[in-house]
C-alpha atoms as a PDB file:
ATOM      1  CA  SER A   1       6.019  -4.846 -18.475  1.00  0.00           C
ATOM      2  CA  MET A   2       7.178  -2.824 -15.712  1.00  0.00           C
ATOM      3  CA  SER A   3       9.701  -0.366 -16.807  1.00  0.00           C
ATOM      4  CA  LYS A   4      13.418  -1.074 -15.231  1.00  0.00           C
ATOM      5  CA  LYS A   5      12.767   2.268 -13.323  1.00  0.00           C
ATOM      6  CA  LYS A   6       9.981   1.311 -12.066  1.00  0.00           C
ATOM      7  CA  LYS A   7      11.525  -1.526 -10.851  1.00  0.00           C
ATOM      8  CA  ARG A   8      14.149   0.111  -8.764  1.00  0.00           C
ATOM      9  CA  LEU A   9      11.430   2.755  -7.254  1.00  0.00           C
ATOM     10  CA  ALA A  10       9.693  -0.354  -6.152  1.00  0.00           C
ATOM     11  CA  ALA A  11      12.484  -1.951  -4.850  1.00  0.00           C
ATOM     12  CA  LYS A  12      13.473   1.050  -3.229  1.00  0.00           C
ATOM     13  CA  SER A  13      10.377   1.653  -1.779  1.00  0.00           C
ATOM     14  CA  ALA A  14      10.624  -1.880  -0.709  1.00  0.00           C
ATOM     15  CA  LYS A  15      13.746  -1.789   1.049  1.00  0.00           C
ATOM     16  CA  LYS A  16      12.542   1.155   2.998  1.00  0.00           C
ATOM     17  CA  GLN A  17       8.940  -0.536   3.932  1.00  0.00           C
ATOM     18  CA  ILE A  18      12.003  -3.747   5.807  1.00  0.00           C
ATOM     19  CA  ARG A  19      13.826  -1.179   7.313  1.00  0.00           C
ATOM     20  CA  LYS A  20      10.607   0.693   8.609  1.00  0.00           C
ATOM     21  CA  GLU A  21       8.854  -2.458  10.255  1.00  0.00           C
ATOM     22  CA  LEU A  22      12.188  -3.501  11.535  1.00  0.00           C
ATOM     23  CA  ASP A  23      12.927  -0.219  13.515  1.00  0.00           C
ATOM     24  CA  ILE A  24       9.667  -0.896  15.074  1.00  0.00           C
ATOM     25  CA  LYS A  25       9.697  -4.198  15.719  1.00  0.00           C
ATOM     26  CA  ILE A  26      12.959  -3.825  17.628  1.00  0.00           C
ATOM     27  CA  GLN A  27      11.758  -1.112  19.361  1.00  0.00           C
ATOM     28  CA  GLN A  28       8.461  -2.919  20.245  1.00  0.00           C
ATOM     29  CA  GLU A  29      11.038  -6.263  21.877  1.00  0.00           C
ATOM     30  CA  PHE A  30      13.186  -3.339  23.510  1.00  0.00           C
ATOM     31  CA  GLU A  31      10.213  -1.626  25.037  1.00  0.00           C
ATOM     32  CA  GLN A  32       8.906  -5.237  26.065  1.00  0.00           C
ATOM     33  CA  ALA A  33      12.274  -6.189  27.641  1.00  0.00           C
ATOM     34  CA  ILE A  34      12.882  -3.124  29.675  1.00  0.00           C
ATOM     35  CA  THR A  35       9.494  -3.213  31.231  1.00  0.00           C
ATOM     36  CA  THR A  36       9.876  -6.997  31.725  1.00  0.00           C
ATOM     37  CA  LEU A  37      12.898  -6.292  34.221  1.00  0.00           C
ATOM     38  CA  GLY A  38      10.600  -3.759  35.785  1.00  0.00           C
ATOM     39  CA  HIS A  39      11.873  -0.528  34.571  1.00  0.00           C
ATOM     40  CA  ASP A  40      10.231   2.138  32.482  1.00  0.00           C
ATOM     41  CA  PRO A  41      11.050   2.337  28.229  1.00  0.00           C
ATOM     42  CA  LYS A  42      10.621   6.152  28.559  1.00  0.00           C
ATOM     43  CA  GLU A  43      13.574   6.597  30.512  1.00  0.00           C
ATOM     44  CA  VAL A  44      15.915   5.347  27.469  1.00  0.00           C
ATOM     45  CA  LYS A  45      13.294   6.426  24.993  1.00  0.00           C
ATOM     46  CA  LYS A  46      16.383   8.194  23.001  1.00  0.00           C
ATOM     47  CA  GLU A  47      18.738   5.266  23.867  1.00  0.00           C
ATOM     48  CA  LEU A  48      16.025   2.626  22.826  1.00  0.00           C
ATOM     49  CA  LYS A  49      15.511   4.726  19.024  1.00  0.00           C
ATOM     50  CA  ARG A  50      19.426   4.799  18.556  1.00  0.00           C
ATOM     51  CA  ALA A  51      19.648   1.028  19.121  1.00  0.00           C
ATOM     52  CA  SER A  52      16.886   0.118  17.062  1.00  0.00           C
ATOM     53  CA  ASP A  53      17.971   2.231  14.717  1.00  0.00           C
ATOM     54  CA  LYS A  54      21.297   0.991  14.335  1.00  0.00           C
ATOM     55  CA  LEU A  55      20.475  -2.477  14.270  1.00  0.00           C
ATOM     56  CA  SER A  56      17.226  -2.369  11.572  1.00  0.00           C
ATOM     57  CA  LYS A  57      19.949  -0.076   9.777  1.00  0.00           C
ATOM     58  CA  LYS A  58      21.885  -3.395   9.780  1.00  0.00           C
ATOM     59  CA  LEU A  59      19.817  -6.326   9.306  1.00  0.00           C
ATOM     60  CA  ALA A  60      17.802  -4.798   6.526  1.00  0.00           C
ATOM     61  CA  LYS A  61      20.861  -4.132   4.663  1.00  0.00           C
ATOM     62  CA  LYS A  62      21.408  -7.831   4.756  1.00  0.00           C
ATOM     63  CA  LEU A  63      17.664  -8.187   3.632  1.00  0.00           C
ATOM     64  CA  ASN A  64      18.041  -6.238   0.910  1.00  0.00           C
ATOM     65  CA  LYS A  65      21.147  -7.531  -0.180  1.00  0.00           C
ATOM     66  CA  ASN A  66      18.620 -11.031  -0.931  1.00  0.00           C
ATOM     67  CA  LEU A  67      15.631  -8.198  -2.087  1.00  0.00           C
ATOM     68  CA  SER A  68      18.317  -6.868  -4.731  1.00  0.00           C
ATOM     69  CA  HIS A  69      19.400 -10.170  -5.998  1.00  0.00           C
ATOM     70  CA  ILE A  70      15.657 -11.088  -7.013  1.00  0.00           C
ATOM     71  CA  ILE A  71      15.024  -7.916  -8.527  1.00  0.00           C
ATOM     72  CA  THR A  72      17.850  -7.813 -10.650  1.00  0.00           C
ATOM     73  CA  THR A  73      16.969 -11.361 -11.214  1.00  0.00           C
ATOM     74  CA  GLU A  74      13.485 -10.165 -12.636  1.00  0.00           C
ATOM     75  CA  VAL A  75      14.842  -7.181 -14.323  1.00  0.00           C
ATOM     76  CA  ALA A  76      16.946  -9.264 -16.422  1.00  0.00           C
ATOM     77  CA  ALA A  77      13.900 -11.756 -16.931  1.00  0.00           C
ATOM     78  CA  GLY A  78      12.187  -9.049 -18.144  1.00  0.00           C
ATOM     79  CA  ASP A  79      14.627  -7.797 -20.132  1.00  0.00           C
ATOM     80  CA  LYS A  80      15.061 -10.805 -22.063  1.00  0.00           C
ATOM     81  CA  VAL A  81      11.020 -10.403 -22.478  1.00  0.00           C
ATOM     82  CA  GLU A  82      11.144  -7.324 -24.112  1.00  0.00           C
ATOM     83  CA  THR A  83      13.977  -7.980 -26.487  1.00  0.00           C
ATOM     84  CA  VAL A  84      12.110 -10.938 -27.542  1.00  0.00           C
ATOM     85  CA  THR A  85       9.100  -9.209 -28.046  1.00  0.00           C
ATOM     86  CA  GLU A  86      10.915  -6.353 -29.730  1.00  0.00           C
ATOM     87  CA  SER A  87      12.417  -8.537 -32.422  1.00  0.00           C
ATOM     88  CA  LYS A  88       9.096 -10.168 -33.629  1.00  0.00           C
ATOM     89  CA  THR A  89       8.126  -6.797 -34.393  1.00  0.00           C
END
C-alpha cells in the first residue's frame, strides 16, 4: 500500500493542481467578462492576476478542506489494513 508520506505528497500536489486550475479558469472568465464589456483585459492584467489569485486561494481552501478529509480517511483506512497485515505475519 502507498506510504503515508506518499499519500500526503499526493494530496499536496493535488491541492496545488486544484488551485492552479481554479486560478487559470477564474482569469479566463474575468478576461471574457471584460472583453464582453468592450474593454481590453490587457489594460488590467496586473489587477486581474491579483484578483484571480486571491479568489483561487480562497476557493481552493474550501475545496482542499474536503479533499483533506477524504485523504485523511483513506490514510486511516490504509493504516488499519497495514496493521491487520502485520499482525498476521
